[in-house]
C-alpha atoms as a PDB file:
ATOM      1  CA  MET A   1      27.294  17.375  27.488  1.00  0.00           C
ATOM      2  CA  THR A   2      25.440  15.101  29.880  1.00  0.00           C
ATOM      3  CA  PHE A   3      22.143  16.296  31.321  1.00  0.00           C
ATOM      4  CA  LYS A   4      23.769  16.340  34.758  1.00  0.00           C
ATOM      5  CA  ASN A   5      26.257  18.881  33.461  1.00  0.00           C
ATOM      6  CA  GLN A   6      23.464  20.791  31.736  1.00  0.00           C
ATOM      7  CA  LEU A   7      21.766  21.091  35.121  1.00  0.00           C
ATOM      8  CA  LEU A   8      25.022  22.212  36.777  1.00  0.00           C
ATOM      9  CA  ASN A   9      25.682  24.846  34.109  1.00  0.00           C
ATOM     10  CA  TYR A  10      22.256  26.225  33.302  1.00  0.00           C
ATOM     11  CA  SER A  11      19.750  25.626  36.169  1.00  0.00           C
ATOM     12  CA  ARG A  12      17.917  28.519  37.714  1.00  0.00           C
ATOM     13  CA  LYS A  13      14.706  29.032  39.645  1.00  0.00           C
ATOM     14  CA  ILE A  14      12.331  31.929  39.834  1.00  0.00           C
ATOM     15  CA  LYS A  15       9.227  32.533  41.953  1.00  0.00           C
ATOM     16  CA  VAL A  16       6.323  32.960  39.559  1.00  0.00           C
ATOM     17  CA  ASP A  17       3.226  33.288  41.755  1.00  0.00           C
ATOM     18  CA  ASN A  18       4.496  34.580  45.114  1.00  0.00           C
ATOM     19  CA  LYS A  19       4.771  30.989  46.308  1.00  0.00           C
ATOM     20  CA  ASN A  20       6.024  28.414  43.821  1.00  0.00           C
ATOM     21  CA  ASN A  21       9.464  28.255  42.290  1.00  0.00           C
ATOM     22  CA  LEU A  22       9.691  27.465  38.605  1.00  0.00           C
ATOM     23  CA  HIS A  23      12.845  25.649  37.499  1.00  0.00           C
ATOM     24  CA  PHE A  24      14.352  26.345  34.130  1.00  0.00           C
ATOM     25  CA  LEU A  25      17.567  25.939  32.179  1.00  0.00           C
ATOM     26  CA  ILE A  26      18.874  29.058  30.544  1.00  0.00           C
ATOM     27  CA  CYS A  27      21.823  30.003  28.398  1.00  0.00           C
ATOM     28  CA  ASP A  28      22.132  33.730  27.656  1.00  0.00           C
ATOM     29  CA  LYS A  29      25.873  33.984  26.903  1.00  0.00           C
ATOM     30  CA  TYR A  30      25.644  34.163  23.111  1.00  0.00           C
ATOM     31  CA  ASP A  31      24.803  37.018  20.761  1.00  0.00           C
ATOM     32  CA  SER A  32      21.739  35.192  19.458  1.00  0.00           C
ATOM     33  CA  GLU A  33      18.010  34.963  19.744  1.00  0.00           C
ATOM     34  CA  PHE A  34      16.431  32.787  22.451  1.00  0.00           C
ATOM     35  CA  PHE A  35      14.798  29.429  21.853  1.00  0.00           C
ATOM     36  CA  LEU A  36      11.999  28.741  24.357  1.00  0.00           C
ATOM     37  CA  CYS A  37      11.411  24.972  24.633  1.00  0.00           C
ATOM     38  CA  LEU A  38       8.197  23.791  26.293  1.00  0.00           C
ATOM     39  CA  HIS A  39       7.558  20.184  27.328  1.00  0.00           C
ATOM     40  CA  GLY A  40       4.262  18.393  27.783  1.00  0.00           C
ATOM     41  CA  GLN A  41       2.653  15.818  30.060  1.00  0.00           C
ATOM     42  CA  PRO A  42       4.162  13.951  31.960  1.00  0.00           C
ATOM     43  CA  THR A  43       7.703  14.902  30.963  1.00  0.00           C
ATOM     44  CA  TRP A  44      10.094  17.721  31.912  1.00  0.00           C
ATOM     45  CA  SER A  45      13.070  19.652  30.566  1.00  0.00           C
ATOM     46  CA  TYR A  46      15.022  16.388  30.297  1.00  0.00           C
ATOM     47  CA  ILE A  47      13.186  15.716  27.040  1.00  0.00           C
ATOM     48  CA  TYR A  48      15.121  18.624  25.464  1.00  0.00           C
ATOM     49  CA  ARG A  49      18.623  17.452  26.464  1.00  0.00           C
ATOM     50  CA  ASN A  50      19.627  16.688  22.861  1.00  0.00           C
ATOM     51  CA  PHE A  51      18.267  20.046  21.727  1.00  0.00           C
ATOM     52  CA  ILE A  52      20.393  21.810  24.371  1.00  0.00           C
ATOM     53  CA  ASN A  53      23.536  20.158  23.085  1.00  0.00           C
ATOM     54  CA  GLU A  54      22.688  21.212  19.527  1.00  0.00           C
ATOM     55  CA  PHE A  55      21.999  24.767  20.707  1.00  0.00           C
ATOM     56  CA  GLU A  56      25.436  24.803  22.300  1.00  0.00           C
ATOM     57  CA  ASN A  57      27.020  23.489  19.108  1.00  0.00           C
ATOM     58  CA  ARG A  58      25.406  26.394  17.239  1.00  0.00           C
ATOM     59  CA  LYS A  59      26.035  28.962  19.976  1.00  0.00           C
ATOM     60  CA  LEU A  60      22.330  29.681  20.434  1.00  0.00           C
ATOM     61  CA  ASN A  61      20.652  30.917  23.603  1.00  0.00           C
ATOM     62  CA  PHE A  62      17.811  28.911  25.138  1.00  0.00           C
ATOM     63  CA  ILE A  63      15.248  28.796  27.951  1.00  0.00           C
ATOM     64  CA  VAL A  64      13.894  25.373  28.896  1.00  0.00           C
ATOM     65  CA  PRO A  65      11.395  25.528  31.816  1.00  0.00           C
ATOM     66  CA  ASP A  66       9.641  22.879  33.813  1.00  0.00           C
ATOM     67  CA  PHE A  67       5.968  23.603  34.295  1.00  0.00           C
ATOM     68  CA  ILE A  68       4.979  23.933  37.976  1.00  0.00           C
ATOM     69  CA  GLY A  69       4.175  20.420  39.142  1.00  0.00           C
ATOM     70  CA  PHE A  70       6.758  18.884  36.839  1.00  0.00           C
ATOM     71  CA  GLY A  71      10.509  18.359  36.662  1.00  0.00           C
ATOM     72  CA  LEU A  72      12.481  20.283  39.258  1.00  0.00           C
ATOM     73  CA  SER A  73       9.837  22.984  39.699  1.00  0.00           C
ATOM     74  CA  ASP A  74       7.752  23.098  42.885  1.00  0.00           C
ATOM     75  CA  LYS A  75       4.906  20.644  43.096  1.00  0.00           C
ATOM     76  CA  PRO A  76       1.775  22.086  44.746  1.00  0.00           C
ATOM     77  CA  THR A  77      -0.636  19.656  46.386  1.00  0.00           C
ATOM     78  CA  ASP A  78      -3.753  21.753  45.704  1.00  0.00           C
ATOM     79  CA  THR A  79      -5.394  20.472  42.532  1.00  0.00           C
ATOM     80  CA  SER A  80      -7.157  23.810  42.004  1.00  0.00           C
ATOM     81  CA  TYR A  81      -3.779  25.350  41.143  1.00  0.00           C
ATOM     82  CA  PHE A  82      -3.576  23.376  37.920  1.00  0.00           C
ATOM     83  CA  THR A  83      -5.429  25.442  35.372  1.00  0.00           C
ATOM     84  CA  PHE A  84      -4.612  26.518  31.846  1.00  0.00           C
ATOM     85  CA  ASP A  85      -4.656  30.180  32.875  1.00  0.00           C
ATOM     86  CA  GLN A  86      -2.235  29.655  35.775  1.00  0.00           C
ATOM     87  CA  HIS A  87       0.370  27.816  33.736  1.00  0.00           C
ATOM     88  CA  ARG A  88       0.118  30.347  30.915  1.00  0.00           C
ATOM     89  CA  LEU A  89       0.583  33.166  33.428  1.00  0.00           C
ATOM     90  CA  ASN A  90       3.601  31.401  34.919  1.00  0.00           C
ATOM     91  CA  LEU A  91       5.329  31.405  31.508  1.00  0.00           C
ATOM     92  CA  ILE A  92       4.447  35.045  30.880  1.00  0.00           C
ATOM     93  CA  THR A  93       5.843  35.916  34.319  1.00  0.00           C
ATOM     94  CA  LEU A  94       9.048  33.980  33.631  1.00  0.00           C
ATOM     95  CA  LEU A  95       9.725  35.881  30.435  1.00  0.00           C
ATOM     96  CA  GLU A  96       8.839  39.210  32.054  1.00  0.00           C
ATOM     97  CA  GLU A  97      11.200  38.555  34.931  1.00  0.00           C
ATOM     98  CA  LEU A  98      13.974  37.645  32.503  1.00  0.00           C
ATOM     99  CA  GLY A  99      13.309  40.783  30.455  1.00  0.00           C
ATOM    100  CA  ILE A 100      12.806  38.718  27.312  1.00  0.00           C
ATOM    101  CA  ASN A 101       9.873  39.383  24.993  1.00  0.00           C
ATOM    102  CA  LYS A 102      11.114  37.930  21.687  1.00  0.00           C
ATOM    103  CA  VAL A 103      11.641  34.204  21.429  1.00  0.00           C
ATOM    104  CA  ASN A 104      11.662  31.309  18.984  1.00  0.00           C
ATOM    105  CA  LEU A 105       9.187  28.763  20.315  1.00  0.00           C
ATOM    106  CA  ILE A 106       9.723  25.010  20.262  1.00  0.00           C
ATOM    107  CA  CYS A 107       6.750  23.159  21.686  1.00  0.00           C
ATOM    108  CA  GLN A 108       5.102  19.760  22.036  1.00  0.00           C
ATOM    109  CA  ASP A 109       1.878  18.499  23.682  1.00  0.00           C
ATOM    110  CA  TRP A 110       0.875  20.919  26.488  1.00  0.00           C
ATOM    111  CA  GLY A 111       3.917  22.984  25.614  1.00  0.00           C
ATOM    112  CA  GLY A 112       2.046  23.817  22.395  1.00  0.00           C
ATOM    113  CA  ILE A 113      -1.448  24.112  23.839  1.00  0.00           C
ATOM    114  CA  ILE A 114      -0.124  26.729  26.268  1.00  0.00           C
ATOM    115  CA  GLY A 115       2.890  28.057  24.382  1.00  0.00           C
ATOM    116  CA  LEU A 116       1.124  28.848  21.140  1.00  0.00           C
ATOM    117  CA  THR A 117      -1.151  31.264  23.000  1.00  0.00           C
ATOM    118  CA  LEU A 118       1.660  33.304  24.562  1.00  0.00           C
ATOM    119  CA  PRO A 119       1.761  36.166  22.000  1.00  0.00           C
ATOM    120  CA  TYR A 120      -1.996  36.712  22.012  1.00  0.00           C
ATOM    121  CA  ASN A 121      -2.848  39.875  24.049  1.00  0.00           C
ATOM    122  CA  THR A 122       0.665  40.075  25.485  1.00  0.00           C
ATOM    123  CA  LYS A 123       3.937  41.792  24.586  1.00  0.00           C
ATOM    124  CA  ILE A 124       5.535  38.471  23.699  1.00  0.00           C
ATOM    125  CA  VAL A 125       6.659  38.025  20.113  1.00  0.00           C
ATOM    126  CA  ILE A 126       7.312  34.582  18.623  1.00  0.00           C
ATOM    127  CA  GLU A 127       9.631  35.084  15.696  1.00  0.00           C
ATOM    128  CA  LYS A 128      10.212  31.485  14.633  1.00  0.00           C
ATOM    129  CA  LEU A 129       8.328  28.350  15.481  1.00  0.00           C
ATOM    130  CA  MET A 130       8.845  24.605  15.715  1.00  0.00           C
ATOM    131  CA  VAL A 131       5.546  22.803  16.455  1.00  0.00           C
ATOM    132  CA  MET A 132       5.608  19.133  17.453  1.00  0.00           C
ATOM    133  CA  ASN A 133       2.645  16.796  18.180  1.00  0.00           C
ATOM    134  CA  THR A 134       0.254  19.171  19.863  1.00  0.00           C
ATOM    135  CA  ILE A 135      -3.220  20.564  19.322  1.00  0.00           C
ATOM    136  CA  LEU A 136      -4.971  23.935  19.215  1.00  0.00           C
ATOM    137  CA  PRO A 137      -8.595  23.482  20.387  1.00  0.00           C
ATOM    138  CA  GLU A 138     -11.169  24.296  17.689  1.00  0.00           C
ATOM    139  CA  LEU A 139     -14.941  24.208  18.018  1.00  0.00           C
ATOM    140  CA  ASP A 140     -15.442  22.207  14.803  1.00  0.00           C
ATOM    141  CA  PHE A 141     -12.739  19.652  15.599  1.00  0.00           C
ATOM    142  CA  LYS A 142     -13.378  17.155  18.377  1.00  0.00           C
ATOM    143  CA  LEU A 143     -10.655  15.791  20.570  1.00  0.00           C
ATOM    144  CA  PRO A 144      -9.185  12.624  18.994  1.00  0.00           C
ATOM    145  CA  GLN A 145     -10.241   9.279  20.429  1.00  0.00           C
ATOM    146  CA  GLY A 146      -6.589   8.594  21.095  1.00  0.00           C
ATOM    147  CA  PHE A 147      -6.492  11.506  23.521  1.00  0.00           C
ATOM    148  CA  MET A 148      -9.699  10.358  25.225  1.00  0.00           C
ATOM    149  CA  ASP A 149      -8.208   6.870  25.628  1.00  0.00           C
ATOM    150  CA  TRP A 150      -5.071   8.382  27.155  1.00  0.00           C
ATOM    151  CA  LYS A 151      -7.092  10.558  29.529  1.00  0.00           C
ATOM    152  CA  ASN A 152      -9.213   7.629  30.717  1.00  0.00           C
ATOM    153  CA  TRP A 153      -6.125   5.459  31.217  1.00  0.00           C
ATOM    154  CA  ALA A 154      -4.329   8.212  33.163  1.00  0.00           C
ATOM    155  CA  ASN A 155      -7.377   8.725  35.403  1.00  0.00           C
ATOM    156  CA  ALA A 156      -7.533   5.012  36.122  1.00  0.00           C
ATOM    157  CA  ASN A 157      -3.780   4.846  36.818  1.00  0.00           C
ATOM    158  CA  LYS A 158      -3.062   8.070  38.682  1.00  0.00           C
ATOM    159  CA  GLU A 159       0.267   6.897  40.109  1.00  0.00           C
ATOM    160  CA  PHE A 160       1.517   5.417  36.851  1.00  0.00           C
ATOM    161  CA  LYS A 161       5.266   4.968  36.545  1.00  0.00           C
ATOM    162  CA  ILE A 162       6.466   7.600  34.093  1.00  0.00           C
ATOM    163  CA  SER A 163       9.424   5.448  32.996  1.00  0.00           C
ATOM    164  CA  LYS A 164       7.086   2.596  32.031  1.00  0.00           C
ATOM    165  CA  LEU A 165       4.995   4.973  29.893  1.00  0.00           C
ATOM    166  CA  MET A 166       8.081   6.405  28.242  1.00  0.00           C
ATOM    167  CA  LYS A 167       9.562   2.933  27.593  1.00  0.00           C
ATOM    168  CA  ARG A 168       6.374   1.916  25.842  1.00  0.00           C
ATOM    169  CA  ALA A 169       6.172   5.172  23.873  1.00  0.00           C
ATOM    170  CA  CYS A 170       9.898   5.435  23.084  1.00  0.00           C
ATOM    171  CA  PRO A 171      11.430   1.915  22.873  1.00  0.00           C
ATOM    172  CA  GLY A 172      14.906   3.306  22.172  1.00  0.00           C
ATOM    173  CA  LEU A 173      15.370   4.971  25.524  1.00  0.00           C
ATOM    174  CA  SER A 174      18.230   3.741  27.703  1.00  0.00           C
ATOM    175  CA  ASN A 175      17.854   2.652  31.309  1.00  0.00           C
ATOM    176  CA  GLU A 176      19.505   5.928  32.337  1.00  0.00           C
ATOM    177  CA  ASP A 177      16.951   7.869  30.318  1.00  0.00           C
ATOM    178  CA  LEU A 178      14.084   6.022  31.932  1.00  0.00           C
ATOM    179  CA  LYS A 179      15.538   6.627  35.392  1.00  0.00           C
ATOM    180  CA  ASN A 180      15.813  10.346  34.650  1.00  0.00           C
ATOM    181  CA  TYR A 181      12.179  10.559  33.571  1.00  0.00           C
ATOM    182  CA  ASP A 182      11.245   9.234  37.005  1.00  0.00           C
ATOM    183  CA  LEU A 183      13.709  11.531  38.791  1.00  0.00           C
ATOM    184  CA  PRO A 184      11.299  14.439  39.542  1.00  0.00           C
ATOM    185  CA  PHE A 185       9.012  12.185  41.597  1.00  0.00           C
ATOM    186  CA  GLU A 186      11.487   9.733  43.133  1.00  0.00           C
ATOM    187  CA  LYS A 187      10.983  11.176  46.614  1.00  0.00           C
ATOM    188  CA  ASN A 188       7.192  10.837  46.484  1.00  0.00           C
ATOM    189  CA  GLN A 189       6.600  14.456  45.561  1.00  0.00           C
ATOM    190  CA  SER A 190       3.077  15.496  44.728  1.00  0.00           C
ATOM    191  CA  ARG A 191       1.786  14.034  41.455  1.00  0.00           C
ATOM    192  CA  CYS A 192      -0.961  16.684  41.113  1.00  0.00           C
ATOM    193  CA  GLY A 193       0.566  17.886  37.850  1.00  0.00           C
ATOM    194  CA  THR A 194       0.511  14.507  36.116  1.00  0.00           C
ATOM    195  CA  VAL A 195      -2.925  13.765  37.576  1.00  0.00           C
ATOM    196  CA  CYS A 196      -4.561  17.061  36.625  1.00  0.00           C
ATOM    197  CA  PHE A 197      -3.127  17.813  33.191  1.00  0.00           C
ATOM    198  CA  PRO A 198      -5.012  15.038  31.308  1.00  0.00           C
ATOM    199  CA  ASN A 199      -8.271  16.565  32.532  1.00  0.00           C
ATOM    200  CA  LEU A 200      -7.548  20.192  31.590  1.00  0.00           C
ATOM    201  CA  LEU A 201      -8.083  19.920  27.854  1.00  0.00           C
ATOM    202  CA  GLU A 202     -11.803  19.028  27.682  1.00  0.00           C
ATOM    203  CA  PRO A 203     -12.954  22.021  29.765  1.00  0.00           C
ATOM    204  CA  ILE A 204     -11.156  24.346  27.323  1.00  0.00           C
ATOM    205  CA  TYR A 205     -13.773  23.426  24.715  1.00  0.00           C
ATOM    206  CA  SER A 206     -16.563  24.751  26.933  1.00  0.00           C
ATOM    207  CA  GLU A 207     -14.763  27.511  28.814  1.00  0.00           C
ATOM    208  CA  LYS A 208     -12.065  28.948  26.570  1.00  0.00           C
ATOM    209  CA  ILE A 209     -13.007  28.048  22.987  1.00  0.00           C
ATOM    210  CA  ASN A 210     -13.489  31.699  22.035  1.00  0.00           C
ATOM    211  CA  PHE A 211     -10.065  32.493  23.443  1.00  0.00           C
ATOM    212  CA  PHE A 212      -8.553  29.807  21.212  1.00  0.00           C
ATOM    213  CA  LYS A 213     -10.585  31.038  18.262  1.00  0.00           C
ATOM    214  CA  ASN A 214      -8.892  34.402  18.701  1.00  0.00           C
ATOM    215  CA  VAL A 215      -5.502  32.736  19.049  1.00  0.00           C
ATOM    216  CA  LYS A 216      -6.059  31.028  15.690  1.00  0.00           C
ATOM    217  CA  LYS A 217      -7.009  34.380  14.157  1.00  0.00           C
ATOM    218  CA  TYR A 218      -3.871  35.875  15.611  1.00  0.00           C
ATOM    219  CA  TRP A 219      -1.683  33.284  13.880  1.00  0.00           C
ATOM    220  CA  THR A 220      -3.371  33.864  10.513  1.00  0.00           C
ATOM    221  CA  SER A 221      -2.509  37.567  10.707  1.00  0.00           C
ATOM    222  CA  GLN A 222       0.799  37.496  12.596  1.00  0.00           C
ATOM    223  CA  LYS A 223       2.796  34.827  10.879  1.00  0.00           C
ATOM    224  CA  PRO A 224       6.199  33.880  12.289  1.00  0.00           C
ATOM    225  CA  LYS A 225       9.232  34.497  10.113  1.00  0.00           C
ATOM    226  CA  LYS A 226       9.532  30.739   9.708  1.00  0.00           C
ATOM    227  CA  THR A 227       7.600  27.742  10.963  1.00  0.00           C
ATOM    228  CA  CYS A 228       8.691  24.115  10.977  1.00  0.00           C
ATOM    229  CA  ILE A 229       6.168  21.431  11.907  1.00  0.00           C
ATOM    230  CA  VAL A 230       7.738  18.189  13.148  1.00  0.00           C
ATOM    231  CA  TRP A 231       5.326  15.318  13.638  1.00  0.00           C
ATOM    232  CA  GLY A 232       5.757  11.818  15.009  1.00  0.00           C
ATOM    233  CA  MET A 233       3.433   9.905  12.685  1.00  0.00           C
ATOM    234  CA  ASN A 234       3.171   6.949  15.104  1.00  0.00           C
ATOM    235  CA  ASP A 235       1.417   9.107  17.728  1.00  0.00           C
ATOM    236  CA  PRO A 236      -1.632   7.402  19.279  1.00  0.00           C
ATOM    237  CA  VAL A 237      -2.729  10.616  20.994  1.00  0.00           C
ATOM    238  CA  PHE A 238      -2.556  13.318  18.298  1.00  0.00           C
ATOM    239  CA  ASP A 239      -2.891  11.562  14.958  1.00  0.00           C
ATOM    240  CA  HIS A 240      -2.409  12.718  11.339  1.00  0.00           C
ATOM    241  CA  GLN A 241      -5.803  14.461  11.377  1.00  0.00           C
ATOM    242  CA  VAL A 242      -4.497  16.797  14.103  1.00  0.00           C
ATOM    243  CA  LEU A 243      -1.387  17.356  11.994  1.00  0.00           C
ATOM    244  CA  GLU A 244      -3.563  18.447   9.069  1.00  0.00           C
ATOM    245  CA  ARG A 245      -5.374  20.989  11.269  1.00  0.00           C
ATOM    246  CA  ILE A 246      -2.029  22.403  12.446  1.00  0.00           C
ATOM    247  CA  LYS A 247      -0.814  22.673   8.852  1.00  0.00           C
ATOM    248  CA  LYS A 248      -3.920  24.694   7.962  1.00  0.00           C
ATOM    249  CA  ILE A 249      -3.118  27.211  10.683  1.00  0.00           C
ATOM    250  CA  TYR A 250       0.561  27.516   9.702  1.00  0.00           C
ATOM    251  CA  ILE A 251       0.117  27.314   5.940  1.00  0.00           C
ATOM    252  CA  ASP A 252       3.615  28.428   4.941  1.00  0.00           C
ATOM    253  CA  SER A 253       5.412  25.928   7.154  1.00  0.00           C
ATOM    254  CA  LYS A 254       7.960  23.248   6.377  1.00  0.00           C
ATOM    255  CA  THR A 255       6.710  19.857   7.581  1.00  0.00           C
ATOM    256  CA  LEU A 256       8.932  16.987   8.641  1.00  0.00           C
ATOM    257  CA  GLU A 257       7.024  13.726   9.151  1.00  0.00           C
ATOM    258  CA  ILE A 258       8.913  11.250  11.319  1.00  0.00           C
ATOM    259  CA  LYS A 259       7.396   7.963  10.260  1.00  0.00           C
ATOM    260  CA  ASP A 260       8.412   5.878  13.301  1.00  0.00           C
ATOM    261  CA  GLY A 261       8.296   8.843  15.698  1.00  0.00           C
ATOM    262  CA  GLY A 262       5.799   8.749  18.532  1.00  0.00           C
ATOM    263  CA  HIS A 263       4.018  11.339  20.639  1.00  0.00           C
ATOM    264  CA  PHE A 264       7.262  12.298  22.409  1.00  0.00           C
ATOM    265  CA  VAL A 265       8.914  13.039  19.076  1.00  0.00           C
ATOM    266  CA  GLN A 266      11.819  14.882  20.738  1.00  0.00           C
ATOM    267  CA  GLU A 267      13.199  11.419  21.462  1.00  0.00           C
ATOM    268  CA  TRP A 268      13.673  10.976  17.702  1.00  0.00           C
ATOM    269  CA  SER A 269      15.606  14.236  17.435  1.00  0.00           C
ATOM    270  CA  ASP A 270      18.462  12.567  15.561  1.00  0.00           C
ATOM    271  CA  LYS A 271      16.091  12.253  12.599  1.00  0.00           C
ATOM    272  CA  PHE A 272      15.021  15.898  12.311  1.00  0.00           C
ATOM    273  CA  LEU A 273      16.697  18.381  14.661  1.00  0.00           C
ATOM    274  CA  VAL A 274      19.619  19.422  12.451  1.00  0.00           C
ATOM    275  CA  GLU A 275      17.381  19.852   9.405  1.00  0.00           C
ATOM    276  CA  ALA A 276      14.725  21.739  11.399  1.00  0.00           C
ATOM    277  CA  LEU A 277      17.201  24.164  12.960  1.00  0.00           C
ATOM    278  CA  ASP A 278      19.006  24.665   9.643  1.00  0.00           C
ATOM    279  CA  TYR A 279      15.657  25.648   8.127  1.00  0.00           C
ATOM    280  CA  LEU A 280      14.711  28.035  10.949  1.00  0.00           C
ATOM    281  CA  ASN A 281      18.124  29.706  10.900  1.00  0.00           C
ATOM    282  CA  GLU A 282      18.897  29.855   7.197  1.00  0.00           C
END
């Protein structure tokens, strides 16, 4: 199924903060658990198009949201809106409005930084987990230099063309893919999301490190039924040292290392998705 047809069949919007509409794709027609797929910066639900087709092949339900400021969700112009707490609350609100509290989480980049905190001090239960190229802030582990380089570059190039970034990061993308990555901002919509997100991670280390310490403790005591770590080993942002930290948190996980995979490892899904889903669902 093309992504255009995915949008036609599955798109919905919901107001999450009395003002902004959050766009998401949802399939709830099967007698199955839900897979919640969370994207990162500066992508959107398009990055999960191949996952959606595989979910359909397996008759699995899914929820694939666009963070506010990204994709087809509303794009506020007030930079103060873009905080970790607000985006976490938006996801909690989405699941509450849908009446869903048990999900299998698939996450990458900010999708992991935010998504992996969802069950802490909430009624949300993550039963199975697929973690891809992300980070959980820890006091004794500094942000990688690759992330700092990315943040500095993004701040110096605030209006960067998303398709150019994706072409450099994922050389196998087609021209149609690249066009679709630019689609959310083709009418000069606010870029506050892509501008603010690179600068949200550092403050966490000074403002929310105890929160993340408790999140880590949560995962050591409330293990998912199954966890699969998928890592693009050619990631300049979150390198193999970050992978090792993630593996220490989810010690009983299956790990799939995608040697030529980059930061946006979803774009190498042909090399891992079937195996990863087979493992989670066996």
